[in-house]
Every structure is written in structure tokens, then in C-alpha cells.
PDB file of N, CA and C in Angstrom:
ATOM      1  N   MET A   1       0.857  -1.166   0.000  1.00  0.00           N
ATOM      2  CA  MET A   1       0.000   0.000   0.000  1.00  0.00           C
ATOM      3  C   MET A   1       0.905   1.232   0.000  1.00  0.00           C
ATOM      4  N   VAL A   2       0.437   2.275  -0.632  1.00  0.00           N
ATOM      5  CA  VAL A   2       1.163   3.536  -0.718  1.00  0.00           C
ATOM      6  C   VAL A   2       0.308   4.643  -0.115  1.00  0.00           C
ATOM      7  N   GLY A   3       0.969   5.615   0.501  1.00  0.00           N
ATOM      8  CA  GLY A   3       0.232   6.711   1.109  1.00  0.00           C
ATOM      9  C   GLY A   3       1.010   8.007   1.032  1.00  0.00           C
ATOM     10  N   THR A   4       0.329   9.084   1.331  1.00  0.00           N
ATOM     11  CA  THR A   4       0.961  10.394   1.382  1.00  0.00           C
ATOM     12  C   THR A   4       0.446  11.139   2.607  1.00  0.00           C
ATOM     13  N   ILE A   5       1.332  11.938   3.178  1.00  0.00           N
ATOM     14  CA  ILE A   5       0.972  12.698   4.371  1.00  0.00           C
ATOM     15  C   ILE A   5       1.679  14.046   4.340  1.00  0.00           C
ATOM     16  N   LEU A   6       0.988  15.060   4.829  1.00  0.00           N
ATOM     17  CA  LEU A   6       1.536  16.406   4.959  1.00  0.00           C
ATOM     18  C   LEU A   6       2.016  16.572   6.394  1.00  0.00           C
ATOM     19  N   LEU A   7       3.305  16.840   6.576  1.00  0.00           N
ATOM     20  CA  LEU A   7       3.902  17.002   7.898  1.00  0.00           C
ATOM     21  C   LEU A   7       4.655  18.318   7.991  1.00  0.00           C
ATOM     22  N   ASP A   8       4.741  18.866   9.205  1.00  0.00           N
ATOM     23  CA  ASP A   8       5.632  19.999   9.400  1.00  0.00           C
ATOM     24  C   ASP A   8       7.037  19.458   9.666  1.00  0.00           C
ATOM     25  N   SER A   9       7.987  20.316   9.946  1.00  0.00           N
ATOM     26  CA  SER A   9       9.372  19.859  10.115  1.00  0.00           C
ATOM     27  C   SER A   9       9.573  19.022  11.372  1.00  0.00           C
ATOM     28  N   ASN A  10       8.592  19.061  12.283  1.00  0.00           N
ATOM     29  CA  ASN A  10       8.644  18.259  13.509  1.00  0.00           C
ATOM     30  C   ASN A  10       7.764  17.013  13.411  1.00  0.00           C
ATOM     31  N   ASN A  11       7.356  16.665  12.191  1.00  0.00           N
ATOM     32  CA  ASN A  11       6.525  15.486  11.900  1.00  0.00           C
ATOM     33  C   ASN A  11       5.116  15.582  12.488  1.00  0.00           C
ATOM     34  N   ARG A  12       4.636  16.802  12.717  1.00  0.00           N
ATOM     35  CA  ARG A  12       3.257  16.973  13.182  1.00  0.00           C
ATOM     36  C   ARG A  12       2.319  17.049  11.982  1.00  0.00           C
ATOM     37  N   TYR A  13       1.200  16.349  12.086  1.00  0.00           N
ATOM     38  CA  TYR A  13       0.232  16.323  10.990  1.00  0.00           C
ATOM     39  C   TYR A  13      -1.071  17.032  11.307  1.00  0.00           C
ATOM     40  N   VAL A  14      -1.320  17.328  12.568  1.00  0.00           N
ATOM     41  CA  VAL A  14      -2.536  18.054  12.954  1.00  0.00           C
ATOM     42  C   VAL A  14      -2.276  18.743  14.291  1.00  0.00           C
ATOM     43  N   SER A  15      -2.807  19.968  14.434  1.00  0.00           N
ATOM     44  CA  SER A  15      -2.644  20.701  15.686  1.00  0.00           C
ATOM     45  C   SER A  15      -3.656  20.192  16.708  1.00  0.00           C
ATOM     46  N   LEU A  16      -3.494  20.622  17.946  1.00  0.00           N
ATOM     47  CA  LEU A  16      -4.454  20.247  18.988  1.00  0.00           C
ATOM     48  C   LEU A  16      -5.841  20.786  18.686  1.00  0.00           C
ATOM     49  N   ASP A  17      -5.920  21.860  17.878  1.00  0.00           N
ATOM     50  CA  ASP A  17      -7.210  22.445  17.480  1.00  0.00           C
ATOM     51  C   ASP A  17      -7.791  21.786  16.228  1.00  0.00           C
ATOM     52  N   GLY A  18      -7.069  20.817  15.655  1.00  0.00           N
ATOM     53  CA  GLY A  18      -7.560  20.129  14.462  1.00  0.00           C
ATOM     54  C   GLY A  18      -7.125  20.737  13.146  1.00  0.00           C
ATOM     55  N   ASP A  19      -6.230  21.717  13.198  1.00  0.00           N
ATOM     56  CA  ASP A  19      -5.743  22.349  11.971  1.00  0.00           C
ATOM     57  C   ASP A  19      -4.611  21.531  11.356  1.00  0.00           C
ATOM     58  N   LEU A  20      -4.576  21.509  10.025  1.00  0.00           N
ATOM     59  CA  LEU A  20      -3.487  20.857   9.305  1.00  0.00           C
ATOM     60  C   LEU A  20      -2.347  21.843   9.103  1.00  0.00           C
ATOM     61  N   PRO A  21      -1.137  21.349   8.882  1.00  0.00           N
ATOM     62  CA  PRO A  21      -0.045  22.269   8.542  1.00  0.00           C
ATOM     63  C   PRO A  21      -0.373  22.969   7.228  1.00  0.00           C
ATOM     64  N   PRO A  22       0.156  24.176   7.034  1.00  0.00           N
ATOM     65  CA  PRO A  22      -0.092  24.865   5.755  1.00  0.00           C
ATOM     66  C   PRO A  22       0.594  24.128   4.614  1.00  0.00           C
ATOM     67  N   ARG A  23      -0.185  23.771   3.611  1.00  0.00           N
ATOM     68  CA  ARG A  23       0.388  22.969   2.530  1.00  0.00           C
ATOM     69  C   ARG A  23       1.096  23.839   1.505  1.00  0.00           C
ATOM     70  N   PRO A  24       2.124  23.264   0.861  1.00  0.00           N
ATOM     71  CA  PRO A  24       2.817  24.009  -0.197  1.00  0.00           C
ATOM     72  C   PRO A  24       1.924  24.160  -1.423  1.00  0.00           C
ATOM     73  N   TRP A  25       2.317  25.037  -2.314  1.00  0.00           N
ATOM     74  CA  TRP A  25       1.507  25.405  -3.476  1.00  0.00           C
ATOM     75  C   TRP A  25       1.117  24.217  -4.351  1.00  0.00           C
ATOM     76  N   PHE A  26       1.923  23.178  -4.407  1.00  0.00           N
ATOM     77  CA  PHE A  26       1.679  22.060  -5.324  1.00  0.00           C
ATOM     78  C   PHE A  26       0.853  20.939  -4.709  1.00  0.00           C
ATOM     79  N   ASP A  27       0.572  20.996  -3.415  1.00  0.00           N
ATOM     80  CA  ASP A  27       0.000  19.841  -2.725  1.00  0.00           C
ATOM     81  C   ASP A  27      -1.395  19.462  -3.215  1.00  0.00           C
ATOM     82  N   LYS A  28      -2.273  20.416  -3.466  1.00  0.00           N
ATOM     83  CA  LYS A  28      -3.641  20.098  -3.906  1.00  0.00           C
ATOM     84  C   LYS A  28      -3.629  19.321  -5.229  1.00  0.00           C
ATOM     85  N   GLU A  29      -2.851  19.794  -6.199  1.00  0.00           N
ATOM     86  CA  GLU A  29      -2.750  19.090  -7.477  1.00  0.00           C
ATOM     87  C   GLU A  29      -2.102  17.717  -7.291  1.00  0.00           C
ATOM     88  N   PHE A  30      -1.084  17.651  -6.436  1.00  0.00           N
ATOM     89  CA  PHE A  30      -0.398  16.381  -6.174  1.00  0.00           C
ATOM     90  C   PHE A  30      -1.357  15.343  -5.608  1.00  0.00           C
ATOM     91  N   ILE A  31      -2.101  15.696  -4.552  1.00  0.00           N
ATOM     92  CA  ILE A  31      -2.972  14.677  -3.959  1.00  0.00           C
ATOM     93  C   ILE A  31      -4.137  14.318  -4.873  1.00  0.00           C
ATOM     94  N   THR A  32      -4.590  15.254  -5.675  1.00  0.00           N
ATOM     95  CA  THR A  32      -5.652  14.941  -6.646  1.00  0.00           C
ATOM     96  C   THR A  32      -5.150  13.882  -7.629  1.00  0.00           C
ATOM     97  N   LYS A  33      -3.971  14.072  -8.157  1.00  0.00           N
ATOM     98  CA  LYS A  33      -3.415  13.090  -9.101  1.00  0.00           C
ATOM     99  C   LYS A  33      -3.028  11.800  -8.391  1.00  0.00           C
ATOM    100  N   PHE A  34      -2.549  11.898  -7.169  1.00  0.00           N
ATOM    101  CA  PHE A  34      -2.147  10.713  -6.410  1.00  0.00           C
ATOM    102  C   PHE A  34      -3.333   9.780  -6.167  1.00  0.00           C
ATOM    103  N   TYR A  35      -4.482  10.343  -5.826  1.00  0.00           N
ATOM    104  CA  TYR A  35      -5.649   9.512  -5.511  1.00  0.00           C
ATOM    105  C   TYR A  35      -6.538   9.212  -6.718  1.00  0.00           C
ATOM    106  N   ARG A  36      -6.242   9.770  -7.883  1.00  0.00           N
ATOM    107  CA  ARG A  36      -7.040   9.491  -9.080  1.00  0.00           C
ATOM    108  C   ARG A  36      -7.019   7.992  -9.375  1.00  0.00           C
ATOM    109  N   ASP A  37      -8.190   7.412  -9.535  1.00  0.00           N
ATOM    110  CA  ASP A  37      -8.381   5.995  -9.862  1.00  0.00           C
ATOM    111  C   ASP A  37      -7.820   5.044  -8.806  1.00  0.00           C
ATOM    112  N   SER A  38      -7.685   5.519  -7.567  1.00  0.00           N
ATOM    113  CA  SER A  38      -7.180   4.669  -6.487  1.00  0.00           C
ATOM    114  C   SER A  38      -8.319   3.903  -5.821  1.00  0.00           C
ATOM    115  N   ARG A  39      -7.936   2.961  -4.981  1.00  0.00           N
ATOM    116  CA  ARG A  39      -8.877   2.222  -4.149  1.00  0.00           C
ATOM    117  C   ARG A  39      -8.563   2.584  -2.693  1.00  0.00           C
ATOM    118  N   VAL A  40      -9.577   3.037  -1.957  1.00  0.00           N
ATOM    119  CA  VAL A  40      -9.379   3.436  -0.566  1.00  0.00           C
ATOM    120  C   VAL A  40     -10.404   2.742   0.323  1.00  0.00           C
ATOM    121  N   SER A  41     -10.103   2.700   1.615  1.00  0.00           N
ATOM    122  CA  SER A  41     -11.032   2.117   2.584  1.00  0.00           C
ATOM    123  C   SER A  41     -12.173   3.091   2.854  1.00  0.00           C
ATOM    124  N   THR A  42     -13.233   2.582   3.453  1.00  0.00           N
ATOM    125  CA  THR A  42     -14.366   3.422   3.825  1.00  0.00           C
ATOM    126  C   THR A  42     -13.917   4.515   4.791  1.00  0.00           C
ATOM    127  N   GLU A  43     -13.116   4.146   5.780  1.00  0.00           N
ATOM    128  CA  GLU A  43     -12.602   5.122   6.752  1.00  0.00           C
ATOM    129  C   GLU A  43     -11.819   6.232   6.051  1.00  0.00           C
ATOM    130  N   SER A  44     -10.993   5.840   5.094  1.00  0.00           N
ATOM    131  CA  SER A  44     -10.198   6.826   4.368  1.00  0.00           C
ATOM    132  C   SER A  44     -11.063   7.738   3.519  1.00  0.00           C
ATOM    133  N   MET A  45     -12.044   7.182   2.856  1.00  0.00           N
ATOM    134  CA  MET A  45     -12.918   7.981   1.999  1.00  0.00           C
ATOM    135  C   MET A  45     -13.574   9.103   2.798  1.00  0.00           C
ATOM    136  N   LEU A  46     -13.968   8.818   4.026  1.00  0.00           N
ATOM    137  CA  LEU A  46     -14.618   9.817   4.865  1.00  0.00           C
ATOM    138  C   LEU A  46     -13.663  10.936   5.274  1.00  0.00           C
ATOM    139  N   LYS A  47     -12.370  10.673   5.264  1.00  0.00           N
ATOM    140  CA  LYS A  47     -11.364  11.675   5.651  1.00  0.00           C
ATOM    141  C   LYS A  47     -10.912  12.548   4.482  1.00  0.00           C
ATOM    142  N   LEU A  48     -11.165  12.098   3.257  1.00  0.00           N
ATOM    143  CA  LEU A  48     -10.727  12.854   2.083  1.00  0.00           C
ATOM    144  C   LEU A  48     -11.650  14.046   1.824  1.00  0.00           C
ATOM    145  N   PRO A  49     -11.083  15.157   1.352  1.00  0.00           N
ATOM    146  CA  PRO A  49     -11.940  16.286   0.943  1.00  0.00           C
ATOM    147  C   PRO A  49     -12.854  15.856  -0.209  1.00  0.00           C
ATOM    148  N   LYS A  50     -14.010  16.485  -0.308  1.00  0.00           N
ATOM    149  CA  LYS A  50     -14.983  16.151  -1.369  1.00  0.00           C
ATOM    150  C   LYS A  50     -14.356  16.189  -2.757  1.00  0.00           C
ATOM    151  N   SER A  51     -13.479  17.161  -2.997  1.00  0.00           N
ATOM    152  CA  SER A  51     -12.860  17.275  -4.323  1.00  0.00           C
ATOM    153  C   SER A  51     -11.982  16.066  -4.652  1.00  0.00           C
ATOM    154  N   ILE A  52     -11.409  15.445  -3.642  1.00  0.00           N
ATOM    155  CA  ILE A  52     -10.570  14.260  -3.861  1.00  0.00           C
ATOM    156  C   ILE A  52     -11.450  13.007  -3.930  1.00  0.00           C
ATOM    157  N   GLN A  53     -12.524  12.976  -3.173  1.00  0.00           N
ATOM    158  CA  GLN A  53     -13.436  11.829  -3.216  1.00  0.00           C
ATOM    159  C   GLN A  53     -13.941  11.564  -4.634  1.00  0.00           C
ATOM    160  N   THR A  54     -14.108  12.621  -5.407  1.00  0.00           N
ATOM    161  CA  THR A  54     -14.664  12.460  -6.756  1.00  0.00           C
ATOM    162  C   THR A  54     -13.707  11.762  -7.721  1.00  0.00           C
ATOM    163  N   VAL A  55     -12.409  11.712  -7.402  1.00  0.00           N
ATOM    164  CA  VAL A  55     -11.448  11.083  -8.322  1.00  0.00           C
ATOM    165  C   VAL A  55     -11.086   9.664  -7.908  1.00  0.00           C
ATOM    166  N   VAL A  56     -11.506   9.246  -6.713  1.00  0.00           N
ATOM    167  CA  VAL A  56     -11.227   7.887  -6.243  1.00  0.00           C
ATOM    168  C   VAL A  56     -12.040   6.897  -7.071  1.00  0.00           C
ATOM    169  N   GLN A  57     -11.401   5.797  -7.448  1.00  0.00           N
ATOM    170  CA  GLN A  57     -12.070   4.800  -8.274  1.00  0.00           C
ATOM    171  C   GLN A  57     -13.039   3.936  -7.477  1.00  0.00           C
ATOM    172  N   GLU A  58     -12.610   3.508  -6.269  1.00  0.00           N
ATOM    173  CA  GLU A  58     -13.392   2.494  -5.572  1.00  0.00           C
ATOM    174  C   GLU A  58     -13.153   2.568  -4.065  1.00  0.00           C
ATOM    175  N   VAL A  59     -14.192   2.287  -3.288  1.00  0.00           N
ATOM    176  CA  VAL A  59     -14.083   2.096  -1.852  1.00  0.00           C
ATOM    177  C   VAL A  59     -14.102   0.594  -1.623  1.00  0.00           C
ATOM    178  N   THR A  60     -13.093   0.090  -0.927  1.00  0.00           N
ATOM    179  CA  THR A  60     -12.911  -1.351  -0.819  1.00  0.00           C
ATOM    180  C   THR A  60     -12.282  -1.730   0.513  1.00  0.00           C
ATOM    181  N   THR A  61     -12.329  -3.011   0.830  1.00  0.00           N
ATOM    182  CA  THR A  61     -11.625  -3.513   2.015  1.00  0.00           C
ATOM    183  C   THR A  61     -10.170  -3.846   1.690  1.00  0.00           C
ATOM    184  N   PHE A  62      -9.788  -3.735   0.408  1.00  0.00           N
ATOM    185  CA  PHE A  62      -8.416  -3.983  -0.021  1.00  0.00           C
ATOM    186  C   PHE A  62      -7.867  -2.725  -0.705  1.00  0.00           C
ATOM    187  N   PRO A  63      -7.576  -1.678   0.098  1.00  0.00           N
ATOM    188  CA  PRO A  63      -7.155  -0.409  -0.493  1.00  0.00           C
ATOM    189  C   PRO A  63      -5.759  -0.468  -1.113  1.00  0.00           C
ATOM    190  N   SER A  64      -5.559   0.347  -2.119  1.00  0.00           N
ATOM    191  CA  SER A  64      -4.238   0.510  -2.729  1.00  0.00           C
ATOM    192  C   SER A  64      -3.542   1.742  -2.163  1.00  0.00           C
ATOM    193  N   HIS A  65      -4.347   2.707  -1.672  1.00  0.00           N
ATOM    194  CA  HIS A  65      -3.836   3.971  -1.171  1.00  0.00           C
ATOM    195  C   HIS A  65      -4.347   4.209   0.256  1.00  0.00           C
ATOM    196  N   ALA A  66      -3.461   4.686   1.112  1.00  0.00           N
ATOM    197  CA  ALA A  66      -3.799   4.932   2.515  1.00  0.00           C
ATOM    198  C   ALA A  66      -4.087   6.405   2.761  1.00  0.00           C
ATOM    199  N   VAL A  67      -4.964   6.665   3.712  1.00  0.00           N
ATOM    200  CA  VAL A  67      -5.275   8.034   4.115  1.00  0.00           C
ATOM    201  C   VAL A  67      -5.232   8.149   5.635  1.00  0.00           C
ATOM    202  N   SER A  68      -5.862   7.217   6.335  1.00  0.00           N
ATOM    203  CA  SER A  68      -5.943   7.291   7.797  1.00  0.00           C
ATOM    204  C   SER A  68      -4.566   7.017   8.413  1.00  0.00           C
ATOM    205  N   ILE A  69      -4.344   7.535   9.599  1.00  0.00           N
ATOM    206  CA  ILE A  69      -3.057   7.369  10.271  1.00  0.00           C
ATOM    207  C   ILE A  69      -2.721   5.889  10.493  1.00  0.00           C
ATOM    208  N   PRO A  70      -3.644   5.037  10.957  1.00  0.00           N
ATOM    209  CA  PRO A  70      -3.292   3.622  11.101  1.00  0.00           C
ATOM    210  C   PRO A  70      -2.876   2.983   9.771  1.00  0.00           C
ATOM    211  N   GLU A  71      -3.549   3.349   8.683  1.00  0.00           N
ATOM    212  CA  GLU A  71      -3.174   2.814   7.373  1.00  0.00           C
ATOM    213  C   GLU A  71      -1.815   3.336   6.929  1.00  0.00           C
ATOM    214  N   LEU A  72      -1.581   4.629   7.142  1.00  0.00           N
ATOM    215  CA  LEU A  72      -0.306   5.222   6.736  1.00  0.00           C
ATOM    216  C   LEU A  72       0.857   4.557   7.464  1.00  0.00           C
ATOM    217  N   ASP A  73       0.645   4.194   8.714  1.00  0.00           N
ATOM    218  CA  ASP A  73       1.691   3.545   9.493  1.00  0.00           C
ATOM    219  C   ASP A  73       2.049   2.164   8.926  1.00  0.00           C
ATOM    220  N   LYS A  74       1.143   1.577   8.159  1.00  0.00           N
ATOM    221  CA  LYS A  74       1.366   0.239   7.585  1.00  0.00           C
ATOM    222  C   LYS A  74       1.803   0.273   6.118  1.00  0.00           C
ATOM    223  N   CYS A  75       1.965   1.457   5.556  1.00  0.00           N
ATOM    224  CA  CYS A  75       2.319   1.584   4.130  1.00  0.00           C
ATOM    225  C   CYS A  75       3.676   0.971   3.830  1.00  0.00           C
ATOM    226  N   ASP A  76       3.791   0.443   2.623  1.00  0.00           N
ATOM    227  CA  ASP A  76       5.095  -0.007   2.125  1.00  0.00           C
ATOM    228  C   ASP A  76       5.902   1.182   1.631  1.00  0.00           C
ATOM    229  N   VAL A  77       5.208   2.151   1.031  1.00  0.00           N
ATOM    230  CA  VAL A  77       5.833   3.374   0.522  1.00  0.00           C
ATOM    231  C   VAL A  77       5.017   4.556   1.046  1.00  0.00           C
ATOM    232  N   LEU A  78       5.723   5.534   1.626  1.00  0.00           N
ATOM    233  CA  LEU A  78       5.072   6.718   2.174  1.00  0.00           C
ATOM    234  C   LEU A  78       5.707   7.952   1.541  1.00  0.00           C
ATOM    235  N   LEU A  79       4.862   8.784   0.945  1.00  0.00           N
ATOM    236  CA  LEU A  79       5.315  10.039   0.352  1.00  0.00           C
ATOM    237  C   LEU A  79       4.990  11.158   1.334  1.00  0.00           C
ATOM    238  N   VAL A  80       6.017  11.891   1.762  1.00  0.00           N
ATOM    239  CA  VAL A  80       5.851  12.950   2.753  1.00  0.00           C
ATOM    240  C   VAL A  80       6.047  14.306   2.085  1.00  0.00           C
ATOM    241  N   VAL A  81       5.033  15.138   2.213  1.00  0.00           N
ATOM    242  CA  VAL A  81       5.118  16.524   1.761  1.00  0.00           C
ATOM    243  C   VAL A  81       5.323  17.357   3.020  1.00  0.00           C
ATOM    244  N   ARG A  82       6.322  18.235   2.993  1.00  0.00           N
ATOM    245  CA  ARG A  82       6.634  19.063   4.161  1.00  0.00           C
ATOM    246  C   ARG A  82       5.989  20.441   4.039  1.00  0.00           C
ATOM    247  N   ALA A  83       5.336  20.847   5.116  1.00  0.00           N
ATOM    248  CA  ALA A  83       4.771  22.189   5.196  1.00  0.00           C
ATOM    249  C   ALA A  83       5.910  23.195   5.268  1.00  0.00           C
ATOM    250  N   LYS A  84       5.650  24.383   4.787  1.00  0.00           N
ATOM    251  CA  LYS A  84       6.661  25.440   4.796  1.00  0.00           C
ATOM    252  C   LYS A  84       6.781  26.112   6.159  1.00  0.00           C
ATOM    253  N   SER A  85       5.801  25.913   7.039  1.00  0.00           N
ATOM    254  CA  SER A  85       5.900  26.430   8.407  1.00  0.00           C
ATOM    255  C   SER A  85       5.341  25.375   9.361  1.00  0.00           C
ATOM    256  N   ASP A  86       5.685  25.520  10.626  1.00  0.00           N
ATOM    257  CA  ASP A  86       5.343  24.512  11.627  1.00  0.00           C
ATOM    258  C   ASP A  86       4.074  24.843  12.395  1.00  0.00           C
ATOM    259  N   LEU A  87       3.431  23.788  12.880  1.00  0.00           N
ATOM    260  CA  LEU A  87       2.337  23.938  13.826  1.00  0.00           C
ATOM    261  C   LEU A  87       2.932  24.254  15.195  1.00  0.00           C
ATOM    262  N   ASP A  88       2.180  24.912  16.058  1.00  0.00           N
ATOM    263  CA  ASP A  88       2.677  25.218  17.399  1.00  0.00           C
ATOM    264  C   ASP A  88       2.664  23.996  18.314  1.00  0.00           C
ATOM    265  N   ASP A  89       1.754  23.093  18.050  1.00  0.00           N
ATOM    266  CA  ASP A  89       1.601  21.905  18.871  1.00  0.00           C
ATOM    267  C   ASP A  89       0.864  20.865  18.034  1.00  0.00           C
ATOM    268  N   GLY A  90       0.663  19.680  18.573  1.00  0.00           N
ATOM    269  CA  GLY A  90      -0.149  18.722  17.847  1.00  0.00           C
ATOM    270  C   GLY A  90       0.373  17.307  17.855  1.00  0.00           C
ATOM    271  N   SER A  91      -0.296  16.480  17.056  1.00  0.00           N
ATOM    272  CA  SER A  91       0.016  15.049  16.972  1.00  0.00           C
ATOM    273  C   SER A  91       1.179  14.808  16.025  1.00  0.00           C
ATOM    274  N   ILE A  92       2.062  13.917  16.449  1.00  0.00           N
ATOM    275  CA  ILE A  92       3.268  13.590  15.682  1.00  0.00           C
ATOM    276  C   ILE A  92       3.078  12.247  14.982  1.00  0.00           C
ATOM    277  N   PHE A  93       3.466  12.203  13.701  1.00  0.00           N
ATOM    278  CA  PHE A  93       3.488  10.944  12.965  1.00  0.00           C
ATOM    279  C   PHE A  93       4.888  10.375  13.116  1.00  0.00           C
ATOM    280  N   ARG A  94       4.982   9.194  13.688  1.00  0.00           N
ATOM    281  CA  ARG A  94       6.285   8.574  13.937  1.00  0.00           C
ATOM    282  C   ARG A  94       6.766   7.854  12.683  1.00  0.00           C
ATOM    283  N   LEU A  95       7.975   8.163  12.302  1.00  0.00           N
ATOM    284  CA  LEU A  95       8.592   7.561  11.118  1.00  0.00           C
ATOM    285  C   LEU A  95       9.609   6.485  11.502  1.00  0.00           C
ATOM    286  N   ASP A  96       9.522   5.973  12.736  1.00  0.00           N
ATOM    287  CA  ASP A  96      10.481   4.984  13.245  1.00  0.00           C
ATOM    288  C   ASP A  96      10.561   3.731  12.385  1.00  0.00           C
ATOM    289  N   ASN A  97       9.442   3.321  11.808  1.00  0.00           N
ATOM    290  CA  ASN A  97       9.399   2.081  11.033  1.00  0.00           C
ATOM    291  C   ASN A  97       9.680   2.290   9.552  1.00  0.00           C
ATOM    292  N   PHE A  98      10.125   3.495   9.206  1.00  0.00           N
ATOM    293  CA  PHE A  98      10.390   3.838   7.812  1.00  0.00           C
ATOM    294  C   PHE A  98      11.831   4.287   7.648  1.00  0.00           C
ATOM    295  N   LYS A  99      12.310   4.149   6.436  1.00  0.00           N
ATOM    296  CA  LYS A  99      13.644   4.621   6.070  1.00  0.00           C
ATOM    297  C   LYS A  99      13.487   5.598   4.916  1.00  0.00           C
ATOM    298  N   GLN A 100      14.083   6.785   5.056  1.00  0.00           N
ATOM    299  CA  GLN A 100      13.991   7.782   3.997  1.00  0.00           C
ATOM    300  C   GLN A 100      14.969   7.431   2.883  1.00  0.00           C
ATOM    301  N   ILE A 101      14.448   7.399   1.640  1.00  0.00           N
ATOM    302  CA  ILE A 101      15.321   7.074   0.503  1.00  0.00           C
ATOM    303  C   ILE A 101      15.420   8.220  -0.491  1.00  0.00           C
ATOM    304  N   SER A 102      14.630   9.282  -0.295  1.00  0.00           N
ATOM    305  CA  SER A 102      14.681  10.420  -1.210  1.00  0.00           C
ATOM    306  C   SER A 102      14.244  11.677  -0.491  1.00  0.00           C
ATOM    307  N   LYS A 103      14.947  12.780  -0.764  1.00  0.00           N
ATOM    308  CA  LYS A 103      14.596  14.081  -0.197  1.00  0.00           C
ATOM    309  C   LYS A 103      14.148  15.002  -1.323  1.00  0.00           C
ATOM    310  N   GLY A 104      13.562  16.120  -0.963  1.00  0.00           N
ATOM    311  CA  GLY A 104      13.100  17.099  -1.938  1.00  0.00           C
ATOM    312  C   GLY A 104      11.741  17.616  -1.539  1.00  0.00           C
ATOM    313  N   ASP A 105      11.002  18.185  -2.497  1.00  0.00           N
ATOM    314  CA  ASP A 105       9.661  18.678  -2.209  1.00  0.00           C
ATOM    315  C   ASP A 105       8.759  17.555  -1.718  1.00  0.00           C
ATOM    316  N   ILE A 106       8.976  16.350  -2.245  1.00  0.00           N
ATOM    317  CA  ILE A 106       8.257  15.163  -1.795  1.00  0.00           C
ATOM    318  C   ILE A 106       9.286  14.131  -1.372  1.00  0.00           C
ATOM    319  N   GLU A 107       9.260  13.779  -0.096  1.00  0.00           N
ATOM    320  CA  GLU A 107      10.194  12.786   0.438  1.00  0.00           C
ATOM    321  C   GLU A 107       9.613  11.394   0.221  1.00  0.00           C
ATOM    322  N   VAL A 108      10.473  10.433  -0.071  1.00  0.00           N
ATOM    323  CA  VAL A 108      10.041   9.047  -0.219  1.00  0.00           C
ATOM    324  C   VAL A 108      10.613   8.242   0.942  1.00  0.00           C
ATOM    325  N   TRP A 109       9.714   7.570   1.641  1.00  0.00           N
ATOM    326  CA  TRP A 109      10.069   6.718   2.764  1.00  0.00           C
ATOM    327  C   TRP A 109       9.559   5.307   2.474  1.00  0.00           C
ATOM    328  N   ILE A 110      10.349   4.297   2.836  1.00  0.00           N
ATOM    329  CA  ILE A 110       9.910   2.908   2.663  1.00  0.00           C
ATOM    330  C   ILE A 110       9.887   2.209   4.005  1.00  0.00           C
ATOM    331  N   LYS A 111       9.013   1.230   4.114  1.00  0.00           N
ATOM    332  CA  LYS A 111       8.881   0.451   5.350  1.00  0.00           C
ATOM    333  C   LYS A 111      10.162  -0.321   5.594  1.00  0.00           C
ATOM    334  N   GLN A 112      10.646  -0.302   6.828  1.00  0.00           N
ATOM    335  CA  GLN A 112      11.854  -1.064   7.182  1.00  0.00           C
ATOM    336  C   GLN A 112      11.503  -2.492   7.516  1.00  0.00           C
TER     337      GLN A 112
END
């Protein structure tokens, strides 16, 4: 399974108030293309913005793309987009079980 997540430089994905990190200019187009014709779980579909839900191919029990944090933690390949500024507080996504193999605007991490 493959997934993508938006993190700040401290690996936070959501503030205590429920806000996401500010996404870079390319992120909306990236996630739209990333999820086009994908298969996602019911839980994931409910977390996706309406504009992204319209491009998903199928809701299934055998997803190809992850959205929820438990699914992202189990991904074989994780694409990380870094926010340009940090959240003040919030939940941290642990990358302990992943190894970074590529840096840049989109980081590539693989399951160890």
C-alpha cells in the first residue's frame, strides 16, 4: 500500500485544534493526481476532501492507497510533503518504522 501525508518539520500532521499544517503550493494538485483511480477504505474515503473523493475509483476492504493514520503507518511506501511552516503543537506521525530514501519537495520513505 502507498500513502501520502503532509507534515511539518517536527513530523506533526494536525494541531491540537484540528488544523493541518499549511500545505505548499503544489500539494492540492499532487494529492488529486495521487488519488485518481485509487482504491481506498471506507474510513479513508470519509477523511478525504470532497474534491478528492470524486477522483477515487473504488471504496474497498483492499485499499491501494492509505489516508488514515493507522493505514499510513502500515504503508510499504510513504510520500511525505513538508509544510513550509510549523504547527505550534499537535500530533506527531512517527517515522520509526520507515527509512527515507529520497529528499526534496516530496520525500520518499519505505517500510523497514
